[in-house]
Amino acid sequence: MPGWIGLPELLILLVVVLLVFGPKRLPEMGRSLGKGMREFKDSVTGNDKDDEPASAAQLTAAPQDVVETTPQRENETVS
């Protein structure tokens, strides 16, 4: 077998990572790792999201579509 990392070593590594970080943080770590790898790949290949044209939803959004809400406590008077 080429290399020194095999299936038993990967399983041991997975168990150690699970014990150190816990099952609740693993999906978050996976997402951030994937996002970082995607950003690295895009920067290496020169793909920028700024080069893409704006979508139709972005072009048709008007300022009157934005609704501002204020918390109720700001409008109350103090006695």
N, C-alpha and C. Protein backbone atom coordinates (compact mmCIF):
# COMPACT_ATOMS: atom_id res chain seq x y z
N MET A 1 0.84 -1.17 0.00
CA MET A 1 0.00 0.00 0.00
C MET A 1 0.89 1.24 0.00
N PRO A 2 0.68 2.15 -0.96
CA PRO A 2 1.50 3.36 -1.00
C PRO A 2 1.10 4.31 0.13
N GLY A 3 2.08 4.95 0.70
CA GLY A 3 1.81 5.90 1.78
C GLY A 3 1.65 5.21 3.11
N TRP A 4 1.53 5.99 4.14
CA TRP A 4 1.40 5.42 5.47
C TRP A 4 0.02 5.66 6.07
N ILE A 5 -0.85 6.39 5.38
CA ILE A 5 -2.19 6.62 5.91
C ILE A 5 -3.16 5.65 5.26
N GLY A 6 -3.74 4.81 6.07
CA GLY A 6 -4.70 3.83 5.59
C GLY A 6 -6.04 4.02 6.28
N LEU A 7 -6.93 3.08 6.10
CA LEU A 7 -8.26 3.15 6.70
C LEU A 7 -8.22 3.15 8.23
N PRO A 8 -7.42 2.31 8.87
CA PRO A 8 -7.40 2.35 10.35
C PRO A 8 -6.91 3.70 10.89
N GLU A 9 -5.93 4.29 10.23
CA GLU A 9 -5.42 5.59 10.69
C GLU A 9 -6.47 6.68 10.52
N LEU A 10 -7.22 6.65 9.41
CA LEU A 10 -8.27 7.63 9.19
C LEU A 10 -9.39 7.49 10.21
N LEU A 11 -9.75 6.25 10.57
CA LEU A 11 -10.78 6.04 11.58
C LEU A 11 -10.34 6.55 12.95
N ILE A 12 -9.09 6.31 13.30
CA ILE A 12 -8.56 6.81 14.58
C ILE A 12 -8.57 8.34 14.58
N LEU A 13 -8.17 8.94 13.48
CA LEU A 13 -8.17 10.40 13.38
C LEU A 13 -9.59 10.95 13.51
N LEU A 14 -10.56 10.31 12.88
CA LEU A 14 -11.94 10.74 12.97
C LEU A 14 -12.46 10.66 14.41
N VAL A 15 -12.13 9.60 15.11
CA VAL A 15 -12.56 9.45 16.51
C VAL A 15 -11.92 10.52 17.38
N VAL A 16 -10.65 10.82 17.17
CA VAL A 16 -9.96 11.85 17.97
C VAL A 16 -10.59 13.22 17.71
N VAL A 17 -10.85 13.54 16.43
CA VAL A 17 -11.48 14.83 16.10
C VAL A 17 -12.86 14.91 16.72
N LEU A 18 -13.61 13.83 16.68
CA LEU A 18 -14.95 13.81 17.27
C LEU A 18 -14.88 14.02 18.78
N LEU A 19 -13.91 13.42 19.44
CA LEU A 19 -13.77 13.58 20.89
C LEU A 19 -13.32 15.00 21.26
N VAL A 20 -12.44 15.58 20.46
CA VAL A 20 -11.91 16.91 20.78
C VAL A 20 -12.95 17.99 20.53
N PHE A 21 -13.61 17.97 19.39
CA PHE A 21 -14.51 19.06 19.02
C PHE A 21 -15.98 18.78 19.32
N GLY A 22 -16.37 17.56 19.43
CA GLY A 22 -17.76 17.23 19.71
C GLY A 22 -18.60 17.19 18.45
N PRO A 23 -19.72 16.49 18.53
CA PRO A 23 -20.56 16.32 17.33
C PRO A 23 -21.29 17.58 16.88
N LYS A 24 -21.46 18.56 17.77
CA LYS A 24 -22.20 19.76 17.39
C LYS A 24 -21.35 20.73 16.58
N ARG A 25 -20.03 20.73 16.78
CA ARG A 25 -19.18 21.68 16.06
C ARG A 25 -18.65 21.11 14.74
N LEU A 26 -18.76 19.81 14.52
CA LEU A 26 -18.21 19.22 13.30
C LEU A 26 -18.86 19.75 12.02
N PRO A 27 -20.19 19.87 11.93
CA PRO A 27 -20.77 20.43 10.70
C PRO A 27 -20.33 21.86 10.42
N GLU A 28 -20.22 22.66 11.49
CA GLU A 28 -19.77 24.05 11.34
C GLU A 28 -18.33 24.09 10.83
N MET A 29 -17.49 23.22 11.37
CA MET A 29 -16.10 23.17 10.92
C MET A 29 -16.01 22.70 9.48
N GLY A 30 -16.84 21.74 9.10
CA GLY A 30 -16.85 21.26 7.73
C GLY A 30 -17.27 22.35 6.75
N ARG A 31 -18.29 23.13 7.13
CA ARG A 31 -18.73 24.23 6.28
C ARG A 31 -17.63 25.27 6.12
N SER A 32 -16.99 25.64 7.21
CA SER A 32 -15.95 26.67 7.12
C SER A 32 -14.74 26.15 6.34
N LEU A 33 -14.42 24.87 6.49
CA LEU A 33 -13.32 24.31 5.71
C LEU A 33 -13.66 24.31 4.22
N GLY A 34 -14.87 23.92 3.87
CA GLY A 34 -15.30 23.93 2.48
C GLY A 34 -15.31 25.32 1.89
N LYS A 35 -15.79 26.30 2.67
CA LYS A 35 -15.82 27.68 2.21
C LYS A 35 -14.40 28.20 1.98
N GLY A 36 -13.50 27.88 2.90
CA GLY A 36 -12.11 28.31 2.74
C GLY A 36 -11.45 27.69 1.52
N MET A 37 -11.71 26.40 1.30
CA MET A 37 -11.14 25.74 0.12
C MET A 37 -11.71 26.33 -1.16
N ARG A 38 -13.01 26.64 -1.16
CA ARG A 38 -13.64 27.23 -2.34
C ARG A 38 -13.06 28.61 -2.63
N GLU A 39 -12.87 29.43 -1.58
CA GLU A 39 -12.30 30.77 -1.76
C GLU A 39 -10.86 30.68 -2.26
N PHE A 40 -10.10 29.72 -1.72
CA PHE A 40 -8.72 29.54 -2.18
C PHE A 40 -8.69 29.14 -3.65
N LYS A 41 -9.56 28.20 -4.03
CA LYS A 41 -9.61 27.76 -5.42
C LYS A 41 -10.00 28.91 -6.35
N ASP A 42 -10.98 29.71 -5.94
CA ASP A 42 -11.40 30.85 -6.74
C ASP A 42 -10.29 31.89 -6.87
N SER A 43 -9.54 32.11 -5.80
CA SER A 43 -8.46 33.08 -5.88
C SER A 43 -7.32 32.58 -6.75
N VAL A 44 -7.07 31.29 -6.74
CA VAL A 44 -6.00 30.73 -7.57
C VAL A 44 -6.39 30.77 -9.05
N THR A 45 -7.65 30.43 -9.35
CA THR A 45 -8.07 30.41 -10.74
C THR A 45 -8.45 31.79 -11.26
N GLY A 46 -8.63 32.75 -10.37
CA GLY A 46 -8.97 34.11 -10.78
C GLY A 46 -10.45 34.34 -10.96
N ASN A 47 -11.29 33.45 -10.48
CA ASN A 47 -12.74 33.63 -10.57
C ASN A 47 -13.19 34.58 -9.48
N ASP A 48 -13.80 35.69 -9.88
CA ASP A 48 -14.34 36.64 -8.92
C ASP A 48 -15.84 36.71 -9.09
N LYS A 49 -16.56 36.86 -8.00
CA LYS A 49 -18.00 36.99 -8.08
C LYS A 49 -18.39 38.38 -8.55
N ASP A 50 -17.47 39.35 -8.51
CA ASP A 50 -17.77 40.70 -8.97
C ASP A 50 -17.95 40.74 -10.49
N ASP A 51 -17.39 39.78 -11.21
CA ASP A 51 -17.49 39.76 -12.66
C ASP A 51 -18.86 39.32 -13.13
N GLU A 52 -19.64 38.66 -12.27
CA GLU A 52 -20.95 38.16 -12.66
C GLU A 52 -21.95 39.31 -12.73
N PRO A 53 -22.85 39.29 -13.71
CA PRO A 53 -23.87 40.36 -13.77
C PRO A 53 -24.86 40.22 -12.61
N ALA A 54 -25.49 41.32 -12.25
CA ALA A 54 -26.46 41.31 -11.16
C ALA A 54 -27.67 40.50 -11.57
N SER A 55 -28.25 39.82 -10.62
CA SER A 55 -29.43 39.01 -10.91
C SER A 55 -30.65 39.90 -11.10
N ALA A 56 -31.71 39.35 -11.66
CA ALA A 56 -32.93 40.12 -11.92
C ALA A 56 -33.55 40.59 -10.61
N ALA A 57 -33.45 39.80 -9.56
CA ALA A 57 -34.02 40.19 -8.27
C ALA A 57 -33.30 41.41 -7.70
N GLN A 58 -32.01 41.50 -7.91
CA GLN A 58 -31.26 42.64 -7.42
C GLN A 58 -31.58 43.89 -8.22
N LEU A 59 -31.85 43.75 -9.51
CA LEU A 59 -32.14 44.89 -10.35
C LEU A 59 -33.53 45.44 -10.11
N THR A 60 -34.48 44.60 -9.73
CA THR A 60 -35.86 45.04 -9.57
C THR A 60 -36.20 45.47 -8.16
N ALA A 61 -35.31 45.29 -7.21
CA ALA A 61 -35.59 45.68 -5.83
C ALA A 61 -35.62 47.20 -5.73
N ALA A 62 -36.72 47.72 -5.26
CA ALA A 62 -36.89 49.16 -5.13
C ALA A 62 -36.79 49.55 -3.66
N PRO A 63 -36.42 50.81 -3.39
CA PRO A 63 -36.31 51.24 -1.99
C PRO A 63 -37.61 51.13 -1.22
N GLN A 64 -38.77 51.27 -1.87
CA GLN A 64 -40.03 51.17 -1.15
C GLN A 64 -40.32 49.75 -0.70
N ASP A 65 -39.57 48.76 -1.23
CA ASP A 65 -39.76 47.38 -0.80
C ASP A 65 -39.17 47.13 0.58
N VAL A 66 -38.32 48.03 1.04
CA VAL A 66 -37.68 47.85 2.34
C VAL A 66 -38.59 48.38 3.42
N VAL A 67 -38.85 47.56 4.42
CA VAL A 67 -39.73 47.94 5.52
C VAL A 67 -38.88 48.06 6.77
N GLU A 68 -38.93 49.22 7.38
CA GLU A 68 -38.19 49.42 8.62
C GLU A 68 -39.12 49.19 9.80
N THR A 69 -38.63 48.47 10.79
CA THR A 69 -39.42 48.22 11.98
C THR A 69 -38.66 48.76 13.18
N THR A 70 -39.40 49.29 14.12
CA THR A 70 -38.79 49.78 15.35
C THR A 70 -39.34 48.98 16.51
N PRO A 71 -38.52 48.73 17.49
CA PRO A 71 -39.01 48.00 18.67
C PRO A 71 -40.07 48.83 19.40
N GLN A 72 -41.00 48.15 20.04
CA GLN A 72 -42.10 48.81 20.74
C GLN A 72 -41.59 49.64 21.91
N ARG A 73 -40.53 49.21 22.54
CA ARG A 73 -40.06 49.90 23.75
C ARG A 73 -39.57 51.32 23.44
N GLU A 74 -39.11 51.59 22.25
CA GLU A 74 -38.63 52.92 21.92
C GLU A 74 -39.80 53.91 21.87
N ASN A 75 -40.99 53.45 21.50
CA ASN A 75 -42.14 54.32 21.35
C ASN A 75 -42.90 54.57 22.65
N GLU A 76 -42.60 53.82 23.70
CA GLU A 76 -43.30 53.97 24.96
C GLU A 76 -42.75 55.16 25.75
N THR A 77 -43.61 55.82 26.47
CA THR A 77 -43.17 56.93 27.34
C THR A 77 -42.93 56.41 28.74
N VAL A 78 -41.99 57.02 29.40
CA VAL A 78 -41.65 56.63 30.76
C VAL A 78 -42.34 57.56 31.73
N SER A 79 -43.04 57.03 32.73
CA SER A 79 -43.77 57.85 33.71
C SER A 79 -42.94 58.05 34.93
